[in-house]
């Protein structure tokens, strides 16, 4: 079973997650949103799995820089949410970790330490 970690390389939370996995000698594949943006299907799956309130990071700089019309998209249809996140991958809460049927969003030390 391969572990995939999605995020942005210079994100502090992603760095902390990767460091923890490496300290536990857990092999993983890192997928950088900036180099390999997530597909519509992936974003829809994450929205279904985690919900828009969790997946869309409204605390970051990218969110604060959006105009009110774009921010309103975050509370509208799934298709608008997908469009918003594809255009602004920095707004996706990080990291997203997939390991078989296990999905983790954000830095959850206990859950991450259980990965093998």
C-alpha atoms as a PDB file:
ATOM      1  CA  UNK A   1       0.000   0.000   0.000  1.00  0.00           C
ATOM      2  CA  UNK A   2       1.472   3.328  -0.984  1.00  0.00           C
ATOM      3  CA  UNK A   3       1.002   6.500   1.005  1.00  0.00           C
ATOM      4  CA  UNK A   4       0.425   9.756  -0.864  1.00  0.00           C
ATOM      5  CA  UNK A   5       0.955  13.137   0.700  1.00  0.00           C
ATOM      6  CA  UNK A   6      -0.577  16.066  -1.190  1.00  0.00           C
ATOM      7  CA  UNK A   7       0.395  19.642  -0.485  1.00  0.00           C
ATOM      8  CA  UNK A   8       2.811  22.437  -1.241  1.00  0.00           C
ATOM      9  CA  UNK A   9       6.528  21.933  -0.644  1.00  0.00           C
ATOM     10  CA  UNK A  10       7.140  25.205   1.223  1.00  0.00           C
ATOM     11  CA  UNK A  11       4.099  24.845   3.529  1.00  0.00           C
ATOM     12  CA  UNK A  12       5.199  24.525   7.177  1.00  0.00           C
ATOM     13  CA  UNK A  13       2.475  21.987   8.000  1.00  0.00           C
ATOM     14  CA  UNK A  14       3.484  19.835   5.037  1.00  0.00           C
ATOM     15  CA  UNK A  15       7.139  20.073   6.062  1.00  0.00           C
ATOM     16  CA  UNK A  16       6.223  18.992   9.618  1.00  0.00           C
ATOM     17  CA  UNK A  17       4.206  16.048   8.261  1.00  0.00           C
ATOM     18  CA  UNK A  18       6.978  14.912   5.926  1.00  0.00           C
ATOM     19  CA  UNK A  19       9.558  15.181   8.712  1.00  0.00           C
ATOM     20  CA  UNK A  20       7.372  13.041  10.998  1.00  0.00           C
ATOM     21  CA  UNK A  21       6.873  10.372   8.314  1.00  0.00           C
ATOM     22  CA  UNK A  22      10.607  10.314   7.580  1.00  0.00           C
ATOM     23  CA  UNK A  23      11.475  10.034  11.288  1.00  0.00           C
ATOM     24  CA  UNK A  24       9.201   6.954  11.447  1.00  0.00           C
ATOM     25  CA  UNK A  25      10.843   5.608   8.272  1.00  0.00           C
ATOM     26  CA  UNK A  26       7.475   5.570   6.489  1.00  0.00           C
ATOM     27  CA  UNK A  27       7.789   5.618   2.697  1.00  0.00           C
ATOM     28  CA  UNK A  28       5.459   8.002   0.876  1.00  0.00           C
ATOM     29  CA  UNK A  29       4.986   9.792  -2.426  1.00  0.00           C
ATOM     30  CA  UNK A  30       4.772  13.573  -2.234  1.00  0.00           C
ATOM     31  CA  UNK A  31       2.524  15.284  -4.762  1.00  0.00           C
ATOM     32  CA  UNK A  32       3.095  19.043  -4.959  1.00  0.00           C
ATOM     33  CA  UNK A  33      -0.055  20.966  -5.933  1.00  0.00           C
ATOM     34  CA  UNK A  34       2.101  23.543  -7.694  1.00  0.00           C
ATOM     35  CA  UNK A  35       3.698  20.947  -9.994  1.00  0.00           C
ATOM     36  CA  UNK A  36       0.788  18.488 -10.289  1.00  0.00           C
ATOM     37  CA  UNK A  37      -2.525  20.221  -9.583  1.00  0.00           C
ATOM     38  CA  UNK A  38      -5.315  17.929  -8.378  1.00  0.00           C
ATOM     39  CA  UNK A  39      -7.936  16.832 -10.884  1.00  0.00           C
ATOM     40  CA  UNK A  40     -11.610  17.778 -10.700  1.00  0.00           C
ATOM     41  CA  UNK A  41     -12.312  14.183  -9.631  1.00  0.00           C
ATOM     42  CA  UNK A  42      -9.790  14.374  -6.770  1.00  0.00           C
ATOM     43  CA  UNK A  43     -11.180  17.686  -5.521  1.00  0.00           C
ATOM     44  CA  UNK A  44     -14.766  16.377  -5.686  1.00  0.00           C
ATOM     45  CA  UNK A  45     -13.682  13.283  -3.742  1.00  0.00           C
ATOM     46  CA  UNK A  46     -11.997  15.410  -1.086  1.00  0.00           C
ATOM     47  CA  UNK A  47     -15.049  17.663  -0.842  1.00  0.00           C
ATOM     48  CA  UNK A  48     -17.213  14.585  -0.317  1.00  0.00           C
ATOM     49  CA  UNK A  49     -14.748  13.051   2.165  1.00  0.00           C
ATOM     50  CA  UNK A  50     -13.931  16.127   4.263  1.00  0.00           C
ATOM     51  CA  UNK A  51     -16.607  18.713   3.392  1.00  0.00           C
ATOM     52  CA  UNK A  52     -16.043  22.199   2.021  1.00  0.00           C
ATOM     53  CA  UNK A  53     -15.691  23.753   5.486  1.00  0.00           C
ATOM     54  CA  UNK A  54     -12.671  21.558   6.193  1.00  0.00           C
ATOM     55  CA  UNK A  55     -11.123  21.387   2.710  1.00  0.00           C
ATOM     56  CA  UNK A  56     -11.258  25.093   1.883  1.00  0.00           C
ATOM     57  CA  UNK A  57      -8.695  26.967   3.967  1.00  0.00           C
ATOM     58  CA  UNK A  58     -10.327  30.280   4.785  1.00  0.00           C
ATOM     59  CA  UNK A  59      -7.555  31.354   7.161  1.00  0.00           C
ATOM     60  CA  UNK A  60      -4.788  31.772   4.614  1.00  0.00           C
ATOM     61  CA  UNK A  61      -3.486  34.674   2.573  1.00  0.00           C
ATOM     62  CA  UNK A  62      -4.955  33.322  -0.662  1.00  0.00           C
ATOM     63  CA  UNK A  63      -8.488  33.421   0.798  1.00  0.00           C
ATOM     64  CA  UNK A  64      -8.042  36.965   2.150  1.00  0.00           C
ATOM     65  CA  UNK A  65      -6.873  38.189  -1.266  1.00  0.00           C
ATOM     66  CA  UNK A  66      -9.995  36.890  -3.054  1.00  0.00           C
ATOM     67  CA  UNK A  67     -12.786  39.263  -3.992  1.00  0.00           C
ATOM     68  CA  UNK A  68     -16.196  38.738  -2.373  1.00  0.00           C
ATOM     69  CA  UNK A  69     -17.630  37.135  -5.522  1.00  0.00           C
ATOM     70  CA  UNK A  70     -14.906  34.475  -5.499  1.00  0.00           C
ATOM     71  CA  UNK A  71     -15.298  33.932  -1.763  1.00  0.00           C
ATOM     72  CA  UNK A  72     -19.036  33.384  -2.302  1.00  0.00           C
ATOM     73  CA  UNK A  73     -18.150  30.465  -4.611  1.00  0.00           C
ATOM     74  CA  UNK A  74     -16.851  28.585  -1.564  1.00  0.00           C
ATOM     75  CA  UNK A  75     -20.387  28.412  -0.202  1.00  0.00           C
ATOM     76  CA  UNK A  76     -22.109  27.559  -3.475  1.00  0.00           C
ATOM     77  CA  UNK A  77     -22.260  24.456  -5.672  1.00  0.00           C
ATOM     78  CA  UNK A  78     -19.681  21.667  -5.736  1.00  0.00           C
ATOM     79  CA  UNK A  79     -18.772  22.626  -9.308  1.00  0.00           C
ATOM     80  CA  UNK A  80     -18.027  26.206  -8.206  1.00  0.00           C
ATOM     81  CA  UNK A  81     -16.002  24.925  -5.260  1.00  0.00           C
ATOM     82  CA  UNK A  82     -13.971  22.698  -7.602  1.00  0.00           C
ATOM     83  CA  UNK A  83     -13.371  25.643  -9.966  1.00  0.00           C
ATOM     84  CA  UNK A  84     -12.296  27.862  -7.060  1.00  0.00           C
ATOM     85  CA  UNK A  85      -9.862  25.259  -5.671  1.00  0.00           C
ATOM     86  CA  UNK A  86      -8.409  24.431  -9.111  1.00  0.00           C
ATOM     87  CA  UNK A  87      -7.675  28.116  -9.651  1.00  0.00           C
ATOM     88  CA  UNK A  88      -6.322  28.549  -6.109  1.00  0.00           C
ATOM     89  CA  UNK A  89      -4.650  25.313  -5.012  1.00  0.00           C
ATOM     90  CA  UNK A  90      -3.079  27.172  -2.086  1.00  0.00           C
ATOM     91  CA  UNK A  91      -6.572  27.299  -0.554  1.00  0.00           C
ATOM     92  CA  UNK A  92      -6.734  23.521  -0.165  1.00  0.00           C
ATOM     93  CA  UNK A  93      -6.069  22.622   3.467  1.00  0.00           C
ATOM     94  CA  UNK A  94      -2.786  20.750   3.721  1.00  0.00           C
ATOM     95  CA  UNK A  95      -1.563  18.151   3.831  1.00  0.00           C
ATOM     96  CA  UNK A  96      -3.979  15.585   2.500  1.00  0.00           C
ATOM     97  CA  UNK A  97      -2.729  12.068   3.173  1.00  0.00           C
ATOM     98  CA  UNK A  98      -4.141   9.004   1.450  1.00  0.00           C
ATOM     99  CA  UNK A  99      -3.206   5.511   2.556  1.00  0.00           C
ATOM    100  CA  UNK A 100      -5.592   2.838   1.346  1.00  0.00           C
ATOM    101  CA  UNK A 101      -8.967   3.672   2.873  1.00  0.00           C
ATOM    102  CA  UNK A 102      -7.420   6.076   5.399  1.00  0.00           C
ATOM    103  CA  UNK A 103      -7.654   9.785   4.610  1.00  0.00           C
ATOM    104  CA  UNK A 104      -6.150  12.479   6.821  1.00  0.00           C
ATOM    105  CA  UNK A 105      -6.352  16.228   6.319  1.00  0.00           C
ATOM    106  CA  UNK A 106      -4.108  18.640   8.182  1.00  0.00           C
ATOM    107  CA  UNK A 107      -1.426  17.724  10.691  1.00  0.00           C
ATOM    108  CA  UNK A 108      -2.836  14.988  12.930  1.00  0.00           C
ATOM    109  CA  UNK A 109       0.210  13.557  14.704  1.00  0.00           C
ATOM    110  CA  UNK A 110      -1.566  10.525  16.194  1.00  0.00           C
ATOM    111  CA  UNK A 111      -3.198   9.533  12.899  1.00  0.00           C
ATOM    112  CA  UNK A 112       0.020  10.089  10.945  1.00  0.00           C
ATOM    113  CA  UNK A 113       2.046   7.999  13.405  1.00  0.00           C
ATOM    114  CA  UNK A 114      -0.317   5.059  12.806  1.00  0.00           C
ATOM    115  CA  UNK A 115       0.562   4.966   9.096  1.00  0.00           C
ATOM    116  CA  UNK A 116       2.911   2.229   7.925  1.00  0.00           C
END
